[in-house]
Amino acid sequence: MLAAGAALVLLLAGCASGPRGGRSGSDGPGANPPSDLGQVPDAEPRVEAIRGSGGTSKPYGVGGRSYVPITDDRPWRETGLASWYGRKFHAQSTASGESYDMYAMTAAHKTLPLPSYVRVRNPANGREVIVRVNDRGPFHDDRIIDLSYAAAYRLDLLRGVAPVEIERITNADIRAGTWRRGDTALAQAVPAESPVALAAAAVASSTAADSVAVPAALTSPVVAMPRAEVRALDALPPLQMLSPEAAPAPAGAESPQAAPASGFWVQLGAFSQSEGVQRFRQQVARGMPGLAGALNVFVERGTYRLQAGPYASREQARDMAEQVRNGLQLAPMVVERR
């Protein structure tokens, strides 16, 4: 058993996704990157067998943390930070045994099956890509995915670590063809009365046009998620008011503010259509009545964001984010605005 564990640690340490944290001072693009990186196509999802035991499905440990890979076809959504890796790991062996190609649409994840496919969205600009997960990492508590150089380029994430939203494309989605519509179905069963069901209903009831991205972890992660990480978004333009003409607020709902006040905000979801965010707002208010008065909808470059706040301190915002995480099984994002 000890020998097997040591072998697995050596495998992870020698592969492209060994104990690393994405781009570092010695990493970066190749000397002569392709001129058409912006045209590199998404990974094409295809049904691939999920290994139930052994190999890349074995539980493993890195840096004192234990990880249990997923061995079924469950849906999976996550919101968190993404990093990327480049020439330092180019052509090295990945955890799946394949060679890492920094110019292919691939990624590393701590627990998703190898291989599997995920849709990755940059909420700051709305860009999306589909990548094939064939590696393990990144082994930092505050990061959920490590992207190839090409994937990070297409998402405009080469400047460093940034928030993303990811959604697994399951084998069931691939067989049904639903992944091509950009609204991968939520197939998990949840009790009808639970807060999780309320959040799931808000997403599932939206059409393909208005359910672009909701930062919700509607499937519980195998490894406990870290506390919400505070991100300063000073570089973003001021959020605009959601006008009543564009989307009448539901009865009893608070009017959206013209711009977020300074302080700390907890973001619960982001939609491309106002109808979707208003439905989601109602579901959240029903699931957590005490939060209803703090909910606000802001518009940023065509994206409707549901945020709660503002909170006077980082600790207060984190406490609320934890309550939302535990009460609604969402993965909220805490942001600071000055």
Protein backbone atom coordinates (compact mmCIF):
# COMPACT_ATOMS: atom_id res chain seq x y z
CA MET A 1 0.00 0.00 0.00
CA LEU A 2 2.81 2.40 0.93
CA ALA A 3 4.64 1.54 -2.25
CA ALA A 4 1.52 2.19 -4.32
CA GLY A 5 0.98 5.55 -2.60
CA ALA A 6 4.58 6.56 -3.18
CA ALA A 7 4.30 5.61 -6.83
CA LEU A 8 1.22 7.79 -7.25
CA VAL A 9 2.98 10.78 -5.65
CA LEU A 10 5.92 10.27 -7.98
CA LEU A 11 3.56 10.09 -10.95
CA LEU A 12 1.89 13.39 -10.03
CA ALA A 13 5.21 15.05 -9.30
CA GLY A 14 6.54 14.04 -12.69
CA CYS A 15 3.51 14.96 -14.76
CA ALA A 16 2.57 18.33 -16.15
CA SER A 17 0.14 18.94 -13.30
CA GLY A 18 2.46 18.12 -10.45
CA PRO A 19 2.64 20.49 -7.47
CA ARG A 20 2.57 23.73 -9.42
CA GLY A 21 0.39 26.79 -9.39
CA GLY A 22 -0.03 27.75 -13.00
CA ARG A 23 2.15 30.40 -14.59
CA SER A 24 5.30 31.41 -12.72
CA GLY A 25 8.28 33.57 -13.53
CA SER A 26 9.91 30.77 -15.48
CA ASP A 27 6.77 29.86 -17.42
CA GLY A 28 5.04 31.58 -20.30
CA PRO A 29 4.36 31.29 -24.02
CA GLY A 30 6.65 29.45 -26.39
CA ALA A 31 9.32 31.24 -28.42
CA ASN A 32 7.23 31.02 -31.59
CA PRO A 33 3.54 30.62 -30.72
CA PRO A 34 1.16 29.93 -33.62
CA SER A 35 -0.23 33.08 -35.21
CA ASP A 36 -3.79 31.71 -35.25
CA LEU A 37 -4.26 30.86 -31.55
CA GLY A 38 -7.51 32.78 -31.54
CA GLN A 39 -8.85 30.33 -34.14
CA VAL A 40 -7.94 27.12 -32.30
CA PRO A 41 -11.25 25.20 -32.18
CA ASP A 42 -12.87 23.99 -28.98
CA ALA A 43 -12.28 20.43 -27.90
CA GLU A 44 -14.92 18.24 -29.55
CA PRO A 45 -16.76 16.30 -26.81
CA ARG A 46 -17.08 12.59 -27.44
CA VAL A 47 -18.17 9.75 -25.21
CA GLU A 48 -15.16 8.38 -23.36
CA ALA A 49 -15.24 5.61 -20.78
CA ILE A 50 -15.12 6.65 -17.12
CA ARG A 51 -12.78 4.43 -15.17
CA GLY A 52 -14.48 3.20 -12.01
CA SER A 53 -11.32 2.25 -10.12
CA GLY A 54 -7.57 2.22 -10.43
CA GLY A 55 -5.28 4.47 -12.39
CA THR A 56 -6.42 8.10 -12.50
CA SER A 57 -9.56 7.17 -10.49
CA LYS A 58 -7.58 6.31 -7.35
CA PRO A 59 -7.74 8.70 -4.38
CA TYR A 60 -4.46 10.56 -4.04
CA GLY A 61 -2.73 13.19 -1.96
CA VAL A 62 -0.63 16.24 -2.79
CA GLY A 63 0.81 18.78 -0.38
CA GLY A 64 -0.92 17.25 2.62
CA ARG A 65 -4.37 17.38 0.98
CA SER A 66 -6.38 14.32 -0.08
CA TYR A 67 -8.43 14.16 -3.27
CA VAL A 68 -11.06 11.62 -4.36
CA PRO A 69 -11.64 11.58 -8.15
CA ILE A 70 -15.19 11.40 -9.48
CA THR A 71 -15.99 8.02 -11.04
CA ASP A 72 -19.48 8.60 -12.44
CA ASP A 73 -21.26 10.77 -15.01
CA ARG A 74 -22.72 13.34 -12.59
CA PRO A 75 -23.27 16.98 -13.63
CA TRP A 76 -20.78 19.41 -12.13
CA ARG A 77 -20.67 23.20 -11.86
CA GLU A 78 -18.05 25.28 -10.10
CA THR A 79 -17.01 28.90 -9.76
CA GLY A 80 -13.52 29.89 -8.71
CA LEU A 81 -10.13 30.95 -9.95
CA ALA A 82 -8.34 29.68 -13.04
CA SER A 83 -4.64 29.68 -13.82
CA TRP A 84 -2.76 28.45 -16.89
CA TYR A 85 0.47 26.64 -17.72
CA GLY A 86 2.74 27.00 -20.72
CA ARG A 87 6.19 26.18 -22.04
CA LYS A 88 7.57 24.98 -18.69
CA PHE A 89 5.34 21.89 -18.97
CA HIS A 90 4.97 21.66 -22.76
CA ALA A 91 5.42 18.07 -24.06
CA GLN A 92 5.65 16.64 -20.54
CA SER A 93 3.48 13.70 -19.55
CA THR A 94 0.13 14.52 -17.96
CA ALA A 95 -1.60 12.51 -15.25
CA SER A 96 -3.57 10.71 -17.98
CA GLY A 97 -0.35 9.65 -19.70
CA GLU A 98 -0.89 11.96 -22.67
CA SER A 99 1.67 14.62 -23.58
CA TYR A 100 0.77 18.17 -22.61
CA ASP A 101 0.26 20.41 -25.63
CA MET A 102 0.08 24.06 -24.60
CA TYR A 103 -1.53 24.93 -27.95
CA ALA A 104 -4.40 22.41 -27.60
CA MET A 105 -7.69 23.01 -25.80
CA THR A 106 -7.03 21.05 -22.60
CA ALA A 107 -7.10 21.62 -18.84
CA ALA A 108 -6.26 20.13 -15.46
CA HIS A 109 -8.74 19.51 -12.62
CA LYS A 110 -8.27 17.92 -9.21
CA THR A 111 -11.19 15.46 -9.23
CA LEU A 112 -13.05 15.31 -12.56
CA PRO A 113 -12.61 12.03 -14.47
CA LEU A 114 -9.68 11.79 -16.88
CA PRO A 115 -10.61 12.38 -19.58
CA SER A 116 -13.73 14.55 -19.41
CA TYR A 117 -14.99 17.76 -20.98
CA VAL A 118 -15.94 21.09 -19.44
CA ARG A 119 -17.26 24.41 -20.66
CA VAL A 120 -15.25 27.29 -19.19
CA ARG A 121 -16.60 30.85 -19.10
CA ASN A 122 -14.83 34.10 -18.29
CA PRO A 123 -17.58 36.16 -16.57
CA ALA A 124 -15.62 39.39 -17.13
CA ASN A 125 -16.05 39.27 -20.91
CA GLY A 126 -18.55 36.46 -21.59
CA ARG A 127 -16.08 34.36 -23.59
CA GLU A 128 -16.53 30.58 -23.45
CA VAL A 129 -14.43 27.61 -24.51
CA ILE A 130 -14.75 23.83 -24.28
CA VAL A 131 -11.68 21.98 -23.05
CA ARG A 132 -10.75 18.35 -22.53
CA VAL A 133 -9.58 17.60 -19.00
CA ASN A 134 -6.60 15.25 -19.20
CA ASP A 135 -4.45 16.30 -16.23
CA ARG A 136 -4.54 16.84 -12.45
CA GLY A 137 -4.18 20.21 -10.73
CA PRO A 138 -3.93 23.03 -9.89
CA PHE A 139 -2.92 22.18 -6.33
CA HIS A 140 -3.88 25.48 -4.72
CA ASP A 141 -6.98 25.74 -2.52
CA ASP A 142 -8.15 28.92 -4.23
CA ARG A 143 -7.98 27.58 -7.80
CA ILE A 144 -10.36 25.18 -9.51
CA ILE A 145 -8.85 24.66 -12.98
CA ASP A 146 -5.54 25.01 -14.82
CA LEU A 147 -5.96 25.89 -18.48
CA SER A 148 -3.70 25.29 -21.42
CA TYR A 149 -2.02 28.36 -22.92
CA ALA A 150 -4.38 28.21 -25.93
CA ALA A 151 -7.52 28.02 -23.76
CA ALA A 152 -6.33 30.91 -21.58
CA TYR A 153 -5.53 32.93 -24.71
CA ARG A 154 -9.04 32.48 -26.10
CA LEU A 155 -10.60 33.44 -22.75
CA ASP A 156 -8.27 36.46 -22.41
CA LEU A 157 -6.83 35.14 -19.14
CA LEU A 158 -3.12 35.27 -19.92
CA ARG A 159 -2.55 38.20 -17.56
CA GLY A 160 -2.83 35.93 -14.54
CA VAL A 161 -5.23 34.15 -12.19
CA ALA A 162 -8.86 35.18 -12.72
CA PRO A 163 -12.44 34.05 -11.85
CA VAL A 164 -14.14 31.56 -14.16
CA GLU A 165 -17.28 29.44 -14.22
CA ILE A 166 -17.01 25.82 -15.31
CA GLU A 167 -19.62 23.23 -16.19
CA ARG A 168 -19.01 19.58 -16.97
CA ILE A 169 -20.30 18.16 -20.25
CA THR A 170 -21.36 14.66 -19.28
CA ASN A 171 -21.49 11.58 -21.48
CA ALA A 172 -25.29 11.83 -21.24
CA ASP A 173 -25.10 15.40 -22.59
CA ILE A 174 -22.87 14.23 -25.44
CA ARG A 175 -25.16 11.35 -26.39
CA ALA A 176 -28.21 13.64 -26.34
CA GLY A 177 -26.43 16.45 -28.17
CA THR A 178 -27.55 19.02 -25.58
CA TRP A 179 -24.03 20.38 -25.13
CA ARG A 180 -24.18 21.92 -28.61
CA ARG A 181 -26.91 24.34 -27.48
CA GLY A 182 -24.74 25.86 -24.79
CA ASP A 183 -27.20 24.96 -22.04
CA THR A 184 -26.05 21.63 -20.68
CA ALA A 185 -29.03 20.13 -18.90
CA LEU A 186 -29.12 19.72 -15.15
CA ALA A 187 -29.87 16.06 -14.71
CA GLN A 188 -29.35 15.53 -10.99
CA ALA A 189 -32.32 14.64 -8.82
CA VAL A 190 -32.89 16.72 -5.69
CA PRO A 191 -35.72 16.85 -3.14
CA ALA A 192 -38.46 19.13 -4.41
CA GLU A 193 -38.60 21.22 -1.23
CA SER A 194 -34.87 21.73 -0.65
CA PRO A 195 -33.03 25.04 -1.22
CA VAL A 196 -30.88 23.18 -3.73
CA ALA A 197 -33.99 22.34 -5.71
CA LEU A 198 -35.02 25.99 -5.67
CA ALA A 199 -31.69 27.07 -7.10
CA ALA A 200 -31.74 24.27 -9.66
CA ALA A 201 -35.27 25.21 -10.72
CA ALA A 202 -34.18 28.79 -11.32
CA VAL A 203 -31.51 27.59 -13.69
CA ALA A 204 -33.48 24.82 -15.36
CA SER A 205 -36.50 27.05 -15.97
CA SER A 206 -34.41 29.51 -17.95
CA THR A 207 -34.25 29.09 -21.71
CA ALA A 208 -31.03 28.52 -23.66
CA ALA A 209 -30.85 32.25 -24.25
CA ASP A 210 -31.02 33.35 -20.64
CA SER A 211 -29.16 30.64 -18.72
CA VAL A 212 -25.68 31.29 -19.97
CA ALA A 213 -23.88 31.08 -16.64
CA VAL A 214 -24.85 30.64 -13.03
CA PRO A 215 -21.99 30.21 -10.56
CA ALA A 216 -23.67 27.33 -8.79
CA ALA A 217 -22.14 24.13 -7.49
CA LEU A 218 -25.35 22.14 -7.73
CA THR A 219 -23.40 18.92 -7.27
CA SER A 220 -21.52 18.74 -3.98
CA PRO A 221 -17.73 18.56 -4.53
CA VAL A 222 -15.99 15.44 -3.27
CA VAL A 223 -13.32 17.59 -1.60
CA ALA A 224 -14.57 20.35 0.68
CA MET A 225 -14.43 23.68 -1.12
CA PRO A 226 -12.30 26.44 0.42
CA ARG A 227 -13.85 29.59 1.83
CA ALA A 228 -14.95 32.13 -0.74
CA GLU A 229 -11.98 34.12 -1.99
CA VAL A 230 -12.20 37.90 -2.11
CA ARG A 231 -11.30 39.37 -5.48
CA ALA A 232 -10.84 43.09 -6.13
CA LEU A 233 -12.59 44.08 -9.36
CA ASP A 234 -11.52 47.71 -9.53
CA ALA A 235 -10.60 47.40 -13.20
CA LEU A 236 -14.18 46.66 -14.23
CA PRO A 237 -16.37 49.54 -15.44
CA PRO A 238 -19.17 50.70 -13.11
CA LEU A 239 -22.21 48.47 -13.17
CA GLN A 240 -25.30 50.04 -14.72
CA MET A 241 -28.81 50.16 -13.41
CA LEU A 242 -31.27 47.57 -14.65
CA SER A 243 -34.05 49.82 -15.93
CA PRO A 244 -37.68 48.95 -15.20
CA GLU A 245 -38.38 49.16 -18.93
CA ALA A 246 -35.79 46.50 -19.68
CA ALA A 247 -37.10 44.09 -17.06
CA PRO A 248 -39.92 44.94 -14.66
CA ALA A 249 -38.98 43.82 -11.19
CA PRO A 250 -41.19 41.08 -9.75
CA ALA A 251 -43.74 42.09 -7.15
CA GLY A 252 -42.14 42.76 -3.80
CA ALA A 253 -38.61 42.90 -5.20
CA GLU A 254 -36.27 45.72 -4.35
CA SER A 255 -35.36 48.10 -7.16
CA PRO A 256 -31.83 47.58 -8.52
CA GLN A 257 -29.28 50.21 -7.60
CA ALA A 258 -27.69 52.50 -10.17
CA ALA A 259 -24.21 51.31 -9.20
CA PRO A 260 -22.81 49.14 -6.44
CA ALA A 261 -21.70 51.02 -3.35
CA SER A 262 -18.15 50.56 -2.15
CA GLY A 263 -17.52 47.63 0.12
CA PHE A 264 -17.80 43.88 -0.19
CA TRP A 265 -20.43 42.12 -2.31
CA VAL A 266 -21.44 38.46 -2.61
CA GLN A 267 -22.20 37.49 -6.21
CA LEU A 268 -24.69 34.62 -6.53
CA GLY A 269 -25.23 34.40 -10.29
CA ALA A 270 -24.76 35.94 -13.71
CA PHE A 271 -27.18 35.76 -16.65
CA SER A 272 -27.36 36.99 -20.22
CA GLN A 273 -31.07 37.88 -19.98
CA SER A 274 -32.91 39.95 -17.37
CA GLU A 275 -35.77 37.44 -17.13
CA GLY A 276 -33.37 34.74 -16.02
CA VAL A 277 -31.77 36.79 -13.28
CA GLN A 278 -35.16 37.93 -11.97
CA ARG A 279 -36.41 34.34 -11.74
CA PHE A 280 -33.22 33.33 -9.98
CA ARG A 281 -33.56 36.28 -7.59
CA GLN A 282 -37.04 35.14 -6.61
CA GLN A 283 -35.85 31.58 -6.01
CA VAL A 284 -32.95 32.76 -3.85
CA ALA A 285 -35.27 35.05 -1.86
CA ARG A 286 -37.61 32.10 -1.21
CA GLY A 287 -34.71 29.84 -0.25
CA MET A 288 -33.14 32.43 2.09
CA PRO A 289 -35.80 35.00 3.09
CA GLY A 290 -33.36 36.83 5.34
CA LEU A 291 -31.19 37.65 2.32
CA ALA A 292 -34.00 39.07 0.16
CA GLY A 293 -33.54 42.68 1.24
CA ALA A 294 -29.84 42.63 0.36
CA LEU A 295 -30.28 41.29 -3.18
CA ASN A 296 -29.54 43.65 -6.07
CA VAL A 297 -29.27 43.18 -9.84
CA PHE A 298 -26.60 45.06 -11.77
CA VAL A 299 -25.88 45.13 -15.51
CA GLU A 300 -22.36 44.98 -16.90
CA ARG A 301 -21.71 44.73 -20.62
CA GLY A 302 -24.87 42.74 -21.26
CA THR A 303 -24.46 40.49 -18.20
CA TYR A 304 -27.04 40.65 -15.40
CA ARG A 305 -25.40 39.96 -12.03
CA LEU A 306 -27.26 39.07 -8.84
CA GLN A 307 -25.29 40.36 -5.86
CA ALA A 308 -25.97 40.72 -2.14
CA GLY A 309 -24.56 43.57 -0.11
CA PRO A 310 -22.76 45.72 0.44
CA TYR A 311 -21.01 44.47 3.57
CA ALA A 312 -18.74 46.67 5.64
CA SER A 313 -15.97 44.11 6.07
CA ARG A 314 -14.43 41.17 4.30
CA GLU A 315 -15.29 38.92 7.23
CA GLN A 316 -19.00 39.82 7.06
CA ALA A 317 -19.09 39.10 3.33
CA ARG A 318 -17.31 35.79 3.78
CA ASP A 319 -19.69 34.77 6.54
CA MET A 320 -22.65 35.51 4.26
CA ALA A 321 -21.00 33.64 1.39
CA GLU A 322 -20.63 30.62 3.66
CA GLN A 323 -24.31 30.84 4.63
CA VAL A 324 -25.29 30.95 0.94
CA ARG A 325 -22.97 28.06 0.14
CA ASN A 326 -24.43 25.92 2.93
CA GLY A 327 -28.05 27.01 2.55
CA LEU A 328 -28.44 26.93 -1.24
CA GLN A 329 -25.48 24.80 -2.31
CA LEU A 330 -24.23 27.62 -4.53
CA ALA A 331 -20.62 28.69 -4.99
CA PRO A 332 -20.78 32.46 -4.42
CA MET A 333 -18.00 34.84 -5.32
CA VAL A 334 -16.99 37.62 -2.92
CA VAL A 335 -15.78 40.81 -4.58
CA GLU A 336 -14.49 44.09 -3.22
CA ARG A 337 -15.28 47.45 -4.79
CA ARG A 338 -13.62 50.64 -3.66
